[in-house]
Structure formats: structure tokens, C-alpha cells
Amino acid sequence: MISIDTGTEELICKIENRVATVTLNKPHKKNALGDVLTPALRKTIAILDDDDRVGCVLITGAGDAFCAGGDVSGMGSGTKKNLGTPSSKQEKIDTLVEKQKTLTNRIYEANKVTIAAMPGAAAGAGLSIALACDLRVASDNAFITTAFGNIGLSGDYGASWFLPRLIGLAKAKELFYTGDRVLASECERLGIVNKVFPKESFSKDAQSYAAKVANGPVNAFGRMKKNLHSGMDQSLEDSLRLEAIHLIESMNDPESKEAIQAFMEKRKPVFRE
């Protein structure tokens, strides 16, 4: 197991079996985001995306929560600390845009597959982080809630973009307007989470799920990800062209050569030593 220095005890990062597990480590505050944890998360995600030892990134939370969103105790004070030093409205907007782009947008566009492992609640911006990931797994006692309306906010970090793409606009509107809790089983039915595992074995099951991805053809997965993301917003003709480019690149990749050789030899492919 390899430990990665995140610069703070509020974020733990370890690499094992090509899975980089990033743990939000503020269980006493349900892993709420803050001025120490969030910058560390931004920095760590960027580092891991360029680390050849990493096949996929698993983001999870310590204790019985994934992430409760922003630390409400630091909101509404009228001070500038919530958005750093900007004072004008436009400066605050620009600063928040940059913060969002370097967190959830970076997770969404990462070359590596990203997985959110939710041992419990994912709320507000914490939900946005989970939605930004490629895949989501949850403990059977987990739930999600948009939560923004509970504190009179409209939402941030991309939840309003991610959620409708998963469950449709009408249902997304309902979850935003009501702030209702959606239990893990219902999240799986709606397509918000991919797998639900028992609470007792959740950590082990999530790691096994991630390891299967991490030890697969990572370069091919990266190309698949670009194909799928681009296909949401472009024409079929453009998608066909992008698929052709990526398929030819994949054919020339050592991953494909190893997979074909393994198939011929009736063995499991080994993509990384």
C-alpha cells in the first residue's frame, strides 16, 4: 500500500491494487467541505490523474457519511471567508466558477475512471461530487439529498447539470425543490447509483468493485469515457468519427495487443505489472 501526502489529516489517500482511495476524513462533521479539505481534494485529484500507478480513483468518506456538502457553520456570516478575498459580486462569481471547475469539472473530465463510494449521506455539494464521478456505489443505509433548498441556496458544483442527465429533468426538479431523502435502494432503481452493497461489507465490496476497473484496460476506458461524454452533446456523425479515432488508437495500444494475446491463450489479460 502506498500513502500519498495530501497536506492535511482531513484528506487521506492510499493506493492499493491500482485503486487510489481518497477518503474525506472529517467524520465529526459528516465530512463537510471546508477551507482545508476542499483545496486538498482538488490538488489530490489532479495528482492522481497523472499517476501511472493509479488505474481508477475511489472517493469515499470516513465514518457513516460520504459528504454533507459545505460546512453550514461557516455560511451566512456576511464575511468574505466563504469565497476567499473577493468583494464584488462579479469577483465572487468568478472565484466560485474557478473553484467548481477545479473540483467537480476536473473529476468529471479526469482521464481515469472515478468512483464515488457512499457509506452514508451525500448531500448538497457532497452529492455534486458523487454525481461528477463516472460510477457510484452505496451502502444499503446510504441516502442522497440535494439539500440546497434547506438553507435557501440554489445549488452549485454541477448538481443541476449532472442529475438531469442521470434521471431526467422532471425527477431532478422534484429532488431539487423538495430536498427529499432518496434511499440507496431507490437511488439504484433511478440509476443514480450503480450498485448497493451491505453496510457490513461495504468498504471491502467497494474496493473489489473499483479494483476490477483499475486493473482493466485503463487507456481504453479513458477513450470510452470521452466517447460517452461527447456523445451526450454532439451529432451521431461526430460521434462516429470520434469512435473511429479512438478505436484506431486503441488498436495500436499495448493494452489491445495484450488483451488479444490473452484471449488466444485462454488466460486473463495483465495490463500492468
C-alpha atoms as a PDB file:
ATOM      1  CA  MET A   1       0.000   0.000   0.000  1.00  0.00           C
ATOM      2  CA  ILE A   2       1.289   3.453  -0.942  1.00  0.00           C
ATOM      3  CA  SER A   3       0.330   6.558   1.036  1.00  0.00           C
ATOM      4  CA  ILE A   4       0.026   9.901  -0.734  1.00  0.00           C
ATOM      5  CA  ASP A   5       0.718  13.092   1.219  1.00  0.00           C
ATOM      6  CA  THR A   6      -2.341  15.348   0.896  1.00  0.00           C
ATOM      7  CA  GLY A   7      -1.022  18.022   3.250  1.00  0.00           C
ATOM      8  CA  THR A   8      -3.786  17.511   5.801  1.00  0.00           C
ATOM      9  CA  GLU A   9      -5.308  14.844   8.033  1.00  0.00           C
ATOM     10  CA  GLU A  10      -8.705  15.899   6.697  1.00  0.00           C
ATOM     11  CA  LEU A  11      -7.948  14.001   3.485  1.00  0.00           C
ATOM     12  CA  ILE A  12      -6.364  10.544   3.336  1.00  0.00           C
ATOM     13  CA  CYS A  13      -5.104   8.995   0.110  1.00  0.00           C
ATOM     14  CA  LYS A  14      -3.732   5.486  -0.379  1.00  0.00           C
ATOM     15  CA  ILE A  15      -3.001   3.401  -3.471  1.00  0.00           C
ATOM     16  CA  GLU A  16      -3.524  -0.352  -3.330  1.00  0.00           C
ATOM     17  CA  ASN A  17      -4.086  -2.791  -6.185  1.00  0.00           C
ATOM     18  CA  ARG A  18      -4.072   0.215  -8.570  1.00  0.00           C
ATOM     19  CA  VAL A  19      -7.036   1.778  -6.740  1.00  0.00           C
ATOM     20  CA  ALA A  20      -6.366   5.255  -5.333  1.00  0.00           C
ATOM     21  CA  THR A  21      -8.737   5.600  -2.391  1.00  0.00           C
ATOM     22  CA  VAL A  22      -9.338   9.226  -1.426  1.00  0.00           C
ATOM     23  CA  THR A  23     -11.072   9.489   1.945  1.00  0.00           C
ATOM     24  CA  LEU A  24     -12.746  12.666   3.164  1.00  0.00           C
ATOM     25  CA  ASN A  25     -11.734  12.474   6.821  1.00  0.00           C
ATOM     26  CA  LYS A  26     -13.924  14.751   8.940  1.00  0.00           C
ATOM     27  CA  PRO A  27     -16.371  12.214  10.384  1.00  0.00           C
ATOM     28  CA  HIS A  28     -17.294  14.514  13.278  1.00  0.00           C
ATOM     29  CA  LYS A  29     -18.750  16.909  10.674  1.00  0.00           C
ATOM     30  CA  LYS A  30     -20.046  14.268   8.263  1.00  0.00           C
ATOM     31  CA  ASN A  31     -17.026  15.051   6.040  1.00  0.00           C
ATOM     32  CA  ALA A  32     -18.308  18.544   5.262  1.00  0.00           C
ATOM     33  CA  LEU A  33     -16.251  20.539   2.793  1.00  0.00           C
ATOM     34  CA  GLY A  34     -14.150  23.413   4.112  1.00  0.00           C
ATOM     35  CA  ASP A  35     -11.151  25.661   3.555  1.00  0.00           C
ATOM     36  CA  VAL A  36      -8.657  22.861   4.303  1.00  0.00           C
ATOM     37  CA  LEU A  37     -10.338  19.726   2.964  1.00  0.00           C
ATOM     38  CA  THR A  38     -11.582  21.090  -0.358  1.00  0.00           C
ATOM     39  CA  PRO A  39      -8.302  22.560  -1.666  1.00  0.00           C
ATOM     40  CA  ALA A  40      -6.548  19.335  -0.673  1.00  0.00           C
ATOM     41  CA  LEU A  41      -9.116  17.323  -2.610  1.00  0.00           C
ATOM     42  CA  ARG A  42      -8.632  19.488  -5.709  1.00  0.00           C
ATOM     43  CA  LYS A  43      -4.866  19.045  -5.555  1.00  0.00           C
ATOM     44  CA  THR A  44      -5.010  15.301  -4.916  1.00  0.00           C
ATOM     45  CA  ILE A  45      -7.434  14.564  -7.764  1.00  0.00           C
ATOM     46  CA  ALA A  46      -5.129  16.378 -10.188  1.00  0.00           C
ATOM     47  CA  ILE A  47      -2.068  14.475  -8.959  1.00  0.00           C
ATOM     48  CA  LEU A  48      -3.738  11.066  -9.181  1.00  0.00           C
ATOM     49  CA  ASP A  49      -4.959  11.628 -12.711  1.00  0.00           C
ATOM     50  CA  ASP A  50      -1.321  11.804 -13.853  1.00  0.00           C
ATOM     51  CA  ASP A  51      -0.052   8.889 -11.711  1.00  0.00           C
ATOM     52  CA  ASP A  52       0.643   5.722 -13.739  1.00  0.00           C
ATOM     53  CA  ARG A  53       0.303   3.626 -10.597  1.00  0.00           C
ATOM     54  CA  VAL A  54      -3.389   4.516 -10.472  1.00  0.00           C
ATOM     55  CA  GLY A  55      -5.972   2.659 -12.536  1.00  0.00           C
ATOM     56  CA  CYS A  56      -9.017   4.350 -11.038  1.00  0.00           C
ATOM     57  CA  VAL A  57      -9.849   6.814  -8.268  1.00  0.00           C
ATOM     58  CA  LEU A  58     -12.275   5.889  -5.486  1.00  0.00           C
ATOM     59  CA  ILE A  59     -13.633   8.818  -3.453  1.00  0.00           C
ATOM     60  CA  THR A  60     -15.264   7.949  -0.136  1.00  0.00           C
ATOM     61  CA  GLY A  61     -15.953   9.342   3.323  1.00  0.00           C
ATOM     62  CA  ALA A  62     -14.827   8.342   6.803  1.00  0.00           C
ATOM     63  CA  GLY A  63     -17.423   7.185   9.303  1.00  0.00           C
ATOM     64  CA  ASP A  64     -21.094   6.958   8.415  1.00  0.00           C
ATOM     65  CA  ALA A  65     -21.300   9.660   5.737  1.00  0.00           C
ATOM     66  CA  PHE A  66     -19.933  10.400   2.281  1.00  0.00           C
ATOM     67  CA  CYS A  67     -20.059  14.194   2.425  1.00  0.00           C
ATOM     68  CA  ALA A  68     -22.617  16.549   3.959  1.00  0.00           C
ATOM     69  CA  GLY A  69     -21.756  19.334   1.498  1.00  0.00           C
ATOM     70  CA  GLY A  70     -20.483  22.722   2.574  1.00  0.00           C
ATOM     71  CA  ASP A  71     -19.880  23.409   6.248  1.00  0.00           C
ATOM     72  CA  VAL A  72     -23.047  25.338   7.137  1.00  0.00           C
ATOM     73  CA  SER A  73     -21.447  26.721  10.292  1.00  0.00           C
ATOM     74  CA  GLY A  74     -19.237  28.886   8.053  1.00  0.00           C
ATOM     75  CA  MET A  75     -22.080  30.226   5.928  1.00  0.00           C
ATOM     76  CA  GLY A  76     -24.272  33.272   6.263  1.00  0.00           C
ATOM     77  CA  SER A  77     -21.868  35.252   8.426  1.00  0.00           C
ATOM     78  CA  GLY A  78     -21.569  38.101   5.966  1.00  0.00           C
ATOM     79  CA  THR A  79     -17.792  37.795   5.944  1.00  0.00           C
ATOM     80  CA  LYS A  80     -15.593  37.288   2.895  1.00  0.00           C
ATOM     81  CA  LYS A  81     -14.152  33.997   4.097  1.00  0.00           C
ATOM     82  CA  ASN A  82     -16.769  31.917   2.282  1.00  0.00           C
ATOM     83  CA  LEU A  83     -15.346  32.785  -1.132  1.00  0.00           C
ATOM     84  CA  GLY A  84     -11.877  33.939  -0.165  1.00  0.00           C
ATOM     85  CA  THR A  85     -10.964  37.584  -0.617  1.00  0.00           C
ATOM     86  CA  PRO A  86     -13.221  38.839  -3.493  1.00  0.00           C
ATOM     87  CA  SER A  87     -15.594  41.627  -2.548  1.00  0.00           C
ATOM     88  CA  SER A  88     -17.629  42.485  -5.643  1.00  0.00           C
ATOM     89  CA  LYS A  89     -20.408  40.247  -6.936  1.00  0.00           C
ATOM     90  CA  GLN A  90     -18.535  39.525 -10.171  1.00  0.00           C
ATOM     91  CA  GLU A  91     -15.342  38.649  -8.327  1.00  0.00           C
ATOM     92  CA  LYS A  92     -17.269  36.223  -6.129  1.00  0.00           C
ATOM     93  CA  ILE A  93     -18.901  34.632  -9.165  1.00  0.00           C
ATOM     94  CA  ASP A  94     -15.578  34.255 -10.978  1.00  0.00           C
ATOM     95  CA  THR A  95     -13.931  32.760  -7.901  1.00  0.00           C
ATOM     96  CA  LEU A  96     -16.708  30.226  -7.373  1.00  0.00           C
ATOM     97  CA  VAL A  97     -16.674  29.263 -11.061  1.00  0.00           C
ATOM     98  CA  GLU A  98     -12.954  28.540 -10.809  1.00  0.00           C
ATOM     99  CA  LYS A  99     -13.431  26.505  -7.624  1.00  0.00           C
ATOM    100  CA  GLN A 100     -16.126  24.428  -9.287  1.00  0.00           C
ATOM    101  CA  LYS A 101     -14.091  23.885 -12.472  1.00  0.00           C
ATOM    102  CA  THR A 102     -11.097  22.636 -10.491  1.00  0.00           C
ATOM    103  CA  LEU A 103     -13.149  20.185  -8.431  1.00  0.00           C
ATOM    104  CA  THR A 104     -16.265  18.588  -9.928  1.00  0.00           C
ATOM    105  CA  ASN A 105     -15.418  19.525 -13.508  1.00  0.00           C
ATOM    106  CA  ARG A 106     -11.928  18.077 -13.018  1.00  0.00           C
ATOM    107  CA  ILE A 107     -13.399  14.864 -11.569  1.00  0.00           C
ATOM    108  CA  TYR A 108     -15.861  14.583 -14.454  1.00  0.00           C
ATOM    109  CA  GLU A 109     -13.203  15.107 -17.119  1.00  0.00           C
ATOM    110  CA  ALA A 110     -10.458  13.043 -15.441  1.00  0.00           C
ATOM    111  CA  ASN A 111      -8.653  10.589 -17.710  1.00  0.00           C
ATOM    112  CA  LYS A 112      -9.050   7.886 -15.074  1.00  0.00           C
ATOM    113  CA  VAL A 113     -12.360   6.293 -14.126  1.00  0.00           C
ATOM    114  CA  THR A 114     -13.692   7.869 -10.925  1.00  0.00           C
ATOM    115  CA  ILE A 115     -15.973   6.089  -8.459  1.00  0.00           C
ATOM    116  CA  ALA A 116     -17.872   7.548  -5.512  1.00  0.00           C
ATOM    117  CA  ALA A 117     -18.273   5.071  -2.651  1.00  0.00           C
ATOM    118  CA  MET A 118     -21.012   6.336  -0.342  1.00  0.00           C
ATOM    119  CA  PRO A 119     -21.058   4.733   3.125  1.00  0.00           C
ATOM    120  CA  GLY A 120     -23.846   7.135   4.126  1.00  0.00           C
ATOM    121  CA  ALA A 121     -25.331  10.511   3.294  1.00  0.00           C
ATOM    122  CA  ALA A 122     -24.308  12.517   0.234  1.00  0.00           C
ATOM    123  CA  ALA A 123     -25.851  15.972   0.437  1.00  0.00           C
ATOM    124  CA  GLY A 124     -25.552  19.338  -1.308  1.00  0.00           C
ATOM    125  CA  ALA A 125     -22.118  19.860  -2.842  1.00  0.00           C
ATOM    126  CA  GLY A 126     -21.202  16.417  -1.483  1.00  0.00           C
ATOM    127  CA  LEU A 127     -23.851  14.986  -3.777  1.00  0.00           C
ATOM    128  CA  SER A 128     -22.408  17.064  -6.620  1.00  0.00           C
ATOM    129  CA  ILE A 129     -19.021  15.398  -6.072  1.00  0.00           C
ATOM    130  CA  ALA A 130     -20.604  11.949  -6.161  1.00  0.00           C
ATOM    131  CA  LEU A 131     -22.553  12.812  -9.320  1.00  0.00           C
ATOM    132  CA  ALA A 132     -19.387  14.076 -11.012  1.00  0.00           C
ATOM    133  CA  CYS A 133     -17.864  10.608 -10.732  1.00  0.00           C
ATOM    134  CA  ASP A 134     -18.269   8.047 -13.502  1.00  0.00           C
ATOM    135  CA  LEU A 135     -19.785   5.457 -11.186  1.00  0.00           C
ATOM    136  CA  ARG A 136     -21.397   5.408  -7.757  1.00  0.00           C
ATOM    137  CA  VAL A 137     -21.758   2.621  -5.210  1.00  0.00           C
ATOM    138  CA  ALA A 138     -23.632   2.942  -1.929  1.00  0.00           C
ATOM    139  CA  SER A 139     -24.089   1.214   1.388  1.00  0.00           C
ATOM    140  CA  ASP A 140     -27.616  -0.059   1.922  1.00  0.00           C
ATOM    141  CA  ASN A 141     -28.096   2.549   4.644  1.00  0.00           C
ATOM    142  CA  ALA A 142     -26.915   5.483   2.491  1.00  0.00           C
ATOM    143  CA  PHE A 143     -29.108   8.210   1.066  1.00  0.00           C
ATOM    144  CA  ILE A 144     -28.784  11.305  -1.097  1.00  0.00           C
ATOM    145  CA  THR A 145     -30.422  14.701  -0.847  1.00  0.00           C
ATOM    146  CA  THR A 146     -29.944  17.871  -2.849  1.00  0.00           C
ATOM    147  CA  ALA A 147     -30.359  19.800   0.444  1.00  0.00           C
ATOM    148  CA  PHE A 148     -29.662  23.206  -1.134  1.00  0.00           C
ATOM    149  CA  GLY A 149     -33.193  24.482  -0.625  1.00  0.00           C
ATOM    150  CA  ASN A 150     -32.987  23.662   3.086  1.00  0.00           C
ATOM    151  CA  ILE A 151     -30.585  26.568   3.524  1.00  0.00           C
ATOM    152  CA  GLY A 152     -32.103  28.821   0.851  1.00  0.00           C
ATOM    153  CA  LEU A 153     -29.454  28.206  -1.801  1.00  0.00           C
ATOM    154  CA  SER A 154     -29.926  27.322  -5.471  1.00  0.00           C
ATOM    155  CA  GLY A 155     -27.103  24.775  -5.783  1.00  0.00           C
ATOM    156  CA  ASP A 156     -23.561  24.577  -7.082  1.00  0.00           C
ATOM    157  CA  TYR A 157     -20.716  22.287  -8.165  1.00  0.00           C
ATOM    158  CA  GLY A 158     -22.728  20.953 -11.113  1.00  0.00           C
ATOM    159  CA  ALA A 159     -25.602  19.093  -9.459  1.00  0.00           C
ATOM    160  CA  SER A 160     -28.131  20.790 -11.751  1.00  0.00           C
ATOM    161  CA  TRP A 161     -26.167  19.569 -14.793  1.00  0.00           C
ATOM    162  CA  PHE A 162     -25.331  16.038 -13.621  1.00  0.00           C
ATOM    163  CA  LEU A 163     -28.624  14.956 -12.043  1.00  0.00           C
ATOM    164  CA  PRO A 164     -30.991  15.528 -15.001  1.00  0.00           C
ATOM    165  CA  ARG A 165     -28.623  13.552 -17.226  1.00  0.00           C
ATOM    166  CA  LEU A 166     -28.974  10.576 -14.896  1.00  0.00           C
ATOM    167  CA  ILE A 167     -32.670  10.633 -14.028  1.00  0.00           C
ATOM    168  CA  GLY A 168     -34.387  13.097 -16.360  1.00  0.00           C
ATOM    169  CA  LEU A 169     -35.375  16.718 -15.892  1.00  0.00           C
ATOM    170  CA  ALA A 170     -38.747  16.277 -14.156  1.00  0.00           C
ATOM    171  CA  LYS A 171     -37.429  13.953 -11.452  1.00  0.00           C
ATOM    172  CA  ALA A 172     -34.352  16.127 -10.954  1.00  0.00           C
ATOM    173  CA  LYS A 173     -36.600  19.154 -10.443  1.00  0.00           C
ATOM    174  CA  GLU A 174     -38.579  17.244  -7.834  1.00  0.00           C
ATOM    175  CA  LEU A 175     -35.454  16.320  -5.881  1.00  0.00           C
ATOM    176  CA  PHE A 176     -34.183  19.904  -6.033  1.00  0.00           C
ATOM    177  CA  TYR A 177     -37.479  21.508  -5.000  1.00  0.00           C
ATOM    178  CA  THR A 178     -38.371  19.053  -2.210  1.00  0.00           C
ATOM    179  CA  GLY A 179     -34.922  18.184  -0.877  1.00  0.00           C
ATOM    180  CA  ASP A 180     -36.339  14.733  -0.115  1.00  0.00           C
ATOM    181  CA  ARG A 181     -34.016  11.981   1.023  1.00  0.00           C
ATOM    182  CA  VAL A 182     -33.643   9.231  -1.550  1.00  0.00           C
ATOM    183  CA  LEU A 183     -32.618   5.906  -0.021  1.00  0.00           C
ATOM    184  CA  ALA A 184     -29.921   3.730  -1.594  1.00  0.00           C
ATOM    185  CA  SER A 185     -32.378   1.186  -2.997  1.00  0.00           C
ATOM    186  CA  GLU A 186     -34.371   3.926  -4.737  1.00  0.00           C
ATOM    187  CA  CYS A 187     -31.148   5.538  -5.973  1.00  0.00           C
ATOM    188  CA  GLU A 188     -30.259   2.240  -7.628  1.00  0.00           C
ATOM    189  CA  ARG A 189     -33.703   1.988  -9.211  1.00  0.00           C
ATOM    190  CA  LEU A 190     -33.466   5.535 -10.556  1.00  0.00           C
ATOM    191  CA  GLY A 191     -29.955   4.998 -11.899  1.00  0.00           C
ATOM    192  CA  ILE A 192     -28.216   7.391  -9.514  1.00  0.00           C
ATOM    193  CA  VAL A 193     -26.078   4.592  -8.074  1.00  0.00           C
ATOM    194  CA  ASN A 194     -24.765   1.554  -9.932  1.00  0.00           C
ATOM    195  CA  LYS A 195     -24.520  -0.893  -7.035  1.00  0.00           C
ATOM    196  CA  VAL A 196     -25.756  -1.150  -3.448  1.00  0.00           C
ATOM    197  CA  PHE A 197     -23.697  -3.228  -1.020  1.00  0.00           C
ATOM    198  CA  PRO A 198     -24.472  -4.328   2.567  1.00  0.00           C
ATOM    199  CA  LYS A 199     -23.322  -1.901   5.240  1.00  0.00           C
ATOM    200  CA  GLU A 200     -21.286  -4.625   6.969  1.00  0.00           C
ATOM    201  CA  SER A 201     -19.122  -5.384   3.930  1.00  0.00           C
ATOM    202  CA  PHE A 202     -19.377  -2.056   2.133  1.00  0.00           C
ATOM    203  CA  SER A 203     -15.723  -0.999   2.256  1.00  0.00           C
ATOM    204  CA  LYS A 204     -14.481  -4.389   1.029  1.00  0.00           C
ATOM    205  CA  ASP A 205     -17.140  -4.630  -1.674  1.00  0.00           C
ATOM    206  CA  ALA A 206     -16.439  -1.101  -2.923  1.00  0.00           C
ATOM    207  CA  GLN A 207     -12.712  -1.827  -3.126  1.00  0.00           C
ATOM    208  CA  SER A 208     -13.338  -5.029  -5.095  1.00  0.00           C
ATOM    209  CA  TYR A 209     -15.645  -3.175  -7.455  1.00  0.00           C
ATOM    210  CA  ALA A 210     -13.010  -0.487  -8.023  1.00  0.00           C
ATOM    211  CA  ALA A 211     -10.152  -2.979  -8.410  1.00  0.00           C
ATOM    212  CA  LYS A 212     -11.920  -4.648 -11.330  1.00  0.00           C
ATOM    213  CA  VAL A 213     -11.940  -1.310 -13.157  1.00  0.00           C
ATOM    214  CA  ALA A 214      -8.461  -0.271 -12.018  1.00  0.00           C
ATOM    215  CA  ASN A 215      -6.862  -3.429 -13.395  1.00  0.00           C
ATOM    216  CA  GLY A 216      -8.648  -3.254 -16.725  1.00  0.00           C
ATOM    217  CA  PRO A 217      -7.531  -1.520 -19.951  1.00  0.00           C
ATOM    218  CA  VAL A 218      -7.228   1.972 -18.454  1.00  0.00           C
ATOM    219  CA  ASN A 219      -6.327   3.690 -21.727  1.00  0.00           C
ATOM    220  CA  ALA A 220      -9.314   2.133 -23.482  1.00  0.00           C
ATOM    221  CA  PHE A 221     -11.561   3.144 -20.601  1.00  0.00           C
ATOM    222  CA  GLY A 222     -10.319   6.720 -20.951  1.00  0.00           C
ATOM    223  CA  ARG A 223     -11.236   6.703 -24.631  1.00  0.00           C
ATOM    224  CA  MET A 224     -14.625   5.152 -23.857  1.00  0.00           C
ATOM    225  CA  LYS A 225     -15.238   7.918 -21.346  1.00  0.00           C
ATOM    226  CA  LYS A 226     -14.507  10.612 -23.928  1.00  0.00           C
ATOM    227  CA  ASN A 227     -16.779   8.878 -26.447  1.00  0.00           C
ATOM    228  CA  LEU A 228     -19.655   8.685 -23.984  1.00  0.00           C
ATOM    229  CA  HIS A 229     -19.286  12.227 -22.672  1.00  0.00           C
ATOM    230  CA  SER A 230     -19.010  13.719 -26.151  1.00  0.00           C
ATOM    231  CA  GLY A 231     -21.957  11.679 -27.370  1.00  0.00           C
ATOM    232  CA  MET A 232     -24.254  13.481 -24.944  1.00  0.00           C
ATOM    233  CA  ASP A 233     -23.864  16.784 -26.773  1.00  0.00           C
ATOM    234  CA  GLN A 234     -22.823  16.061 -30.366  1.00  0.00           C
ATOM    235  CA  SER A 235     -24.277  14.580 -33.552  1.00  0.00           C
ATOM    236  CA  LEU A 236     -24.135  10.903 -34.453  1.00  0.00           C
ATOM    237  CA  GLU A 237     -21.757  11.710 -37.298  1.00  0.00           C
ATOM    238  CA  ASP A 238     -19.349  13.434 -34.925  1.00  0.00           C
ATOM    239  CA  SER A 239     -19.622  10.525 -32.507  1.00  0.00           C
ATOM    240  CA  LEU A 240     -18.833   8.017 -35.256  1.00  0.00           C
ATOM    241  CA  ARG A 241     -15.733   9.994 -36.188  1.00  0.00           C
ATOM    242  CA  LEU A 242     -14.544  10.196 -32.575  1.00  0.00           C
ATOM    243  CA  GLU A 243     -15.153   6.468 -32.112  1.00  0.00           C
ATOM    244  CA  ALA A 244     -13.098   5.758 -35.237  1.00  0.00           C
ATOM    245  CA  ILE A 245     -10.202   7.886 -33.974  1.00  0.00           C
ATOM    246  CA  HIS A 246     -10.216   6.227 -30.573  1.00  0.00           C
ATOM    247  CA  LEU A 247     -10.619   2.698 -31.949  1.00  0.00           C
ATOM    248  CA  ILE A 248      -7.615   3.066 -34.219  1.00  0.00           C
ATOM    249  CA  GLU A 249      -5.620   4.496 -31.306  1.00  0.00           C
ATOM    250  CA  SER A 250      -6.721   1.543 -29.154  1.00  0.00           C
ATOM    251  CA  MET A 251      -5.666  -0.980 -31.800  1.00  0.00           C
ATOM    252  CA  ASN A 252      -2.141   0.457 -31.655  1.00  0.00           C
ATOM    253  CA  ASP A 253      -2.099   0.443 -27.854  1.00  0.00           C
ATOM    254  CA  PRO A 254      -0.198  -2.317 -25.986  1.00  0.00           C
ATOM    255  CA  GLU A 255      -3.384  -2.901 -23.981  1.00  0.00           C
ATOM    256  CA  SER A 256      -5.187  -4.249 -27.044  1.00  0.00           C
ATOM    257  CA  LYS A 257      -2.260  -6.417 -28.043  1.00  0.00           C
ATOM    258  CA  GLU A 258      -2.163  -7.935 -24.540  1.00  0.00           C
ATOM    259  CA  ALA A 259      -5.935  -8.482 -24.483  1.00  0.00           C
ATOM    260  CA  ILE A 260      -5.892 -10.260 -27.857  1.00  0.00           C
ATOM    261  CA  GLN A 261      -2.907 -12.398 -26.846  1.00  0.00           C
ATOM    262  CA  ALA A 262      -4.590 -13.332 -23.564  1.00  0.00           C
ATOM    263  CA  PHE A 263      -7.782 -14.273 -25.430  1.00  0.00           C
ATOM    264  CA  MET A 264      -5.832 -16.545 -27.756  1.00  0.00           C
ATOM    265  CA  GLU A 265      -4.007 -18.136 -24.818  1.00  0.00           C
ATOM    266  CA  LYS A 266      -7.254 -18.501 -22.824  1.00  0.00           C
ATOM    267  CA  ARG A 267      -5.927 -16.525 -19.856  1.00  0.00           C
ATOM    268  CA  LYS A 268      -6.769 -13.327 -18.039  1.00  0.00           C
ATOM    269  CA  PRO A 269      -5.020 -10.262 -19.517  1.00  0.00           C
ATOM    270  CA  VAL A 270      -2.468  -8.404 -17.426  1.00  0.00           C
ATOM    271  CA  PHE A 271      -2.408  -4.748 -18.426  1.00  0.00           C
ATOM    272  CA  ARG A 272       0.055  -3.515 -15.801  1.00  0.00           C
ATOM    273  CA  GLU A 273       2.826  -5.329 -13.954  1.00  0.00           C
END
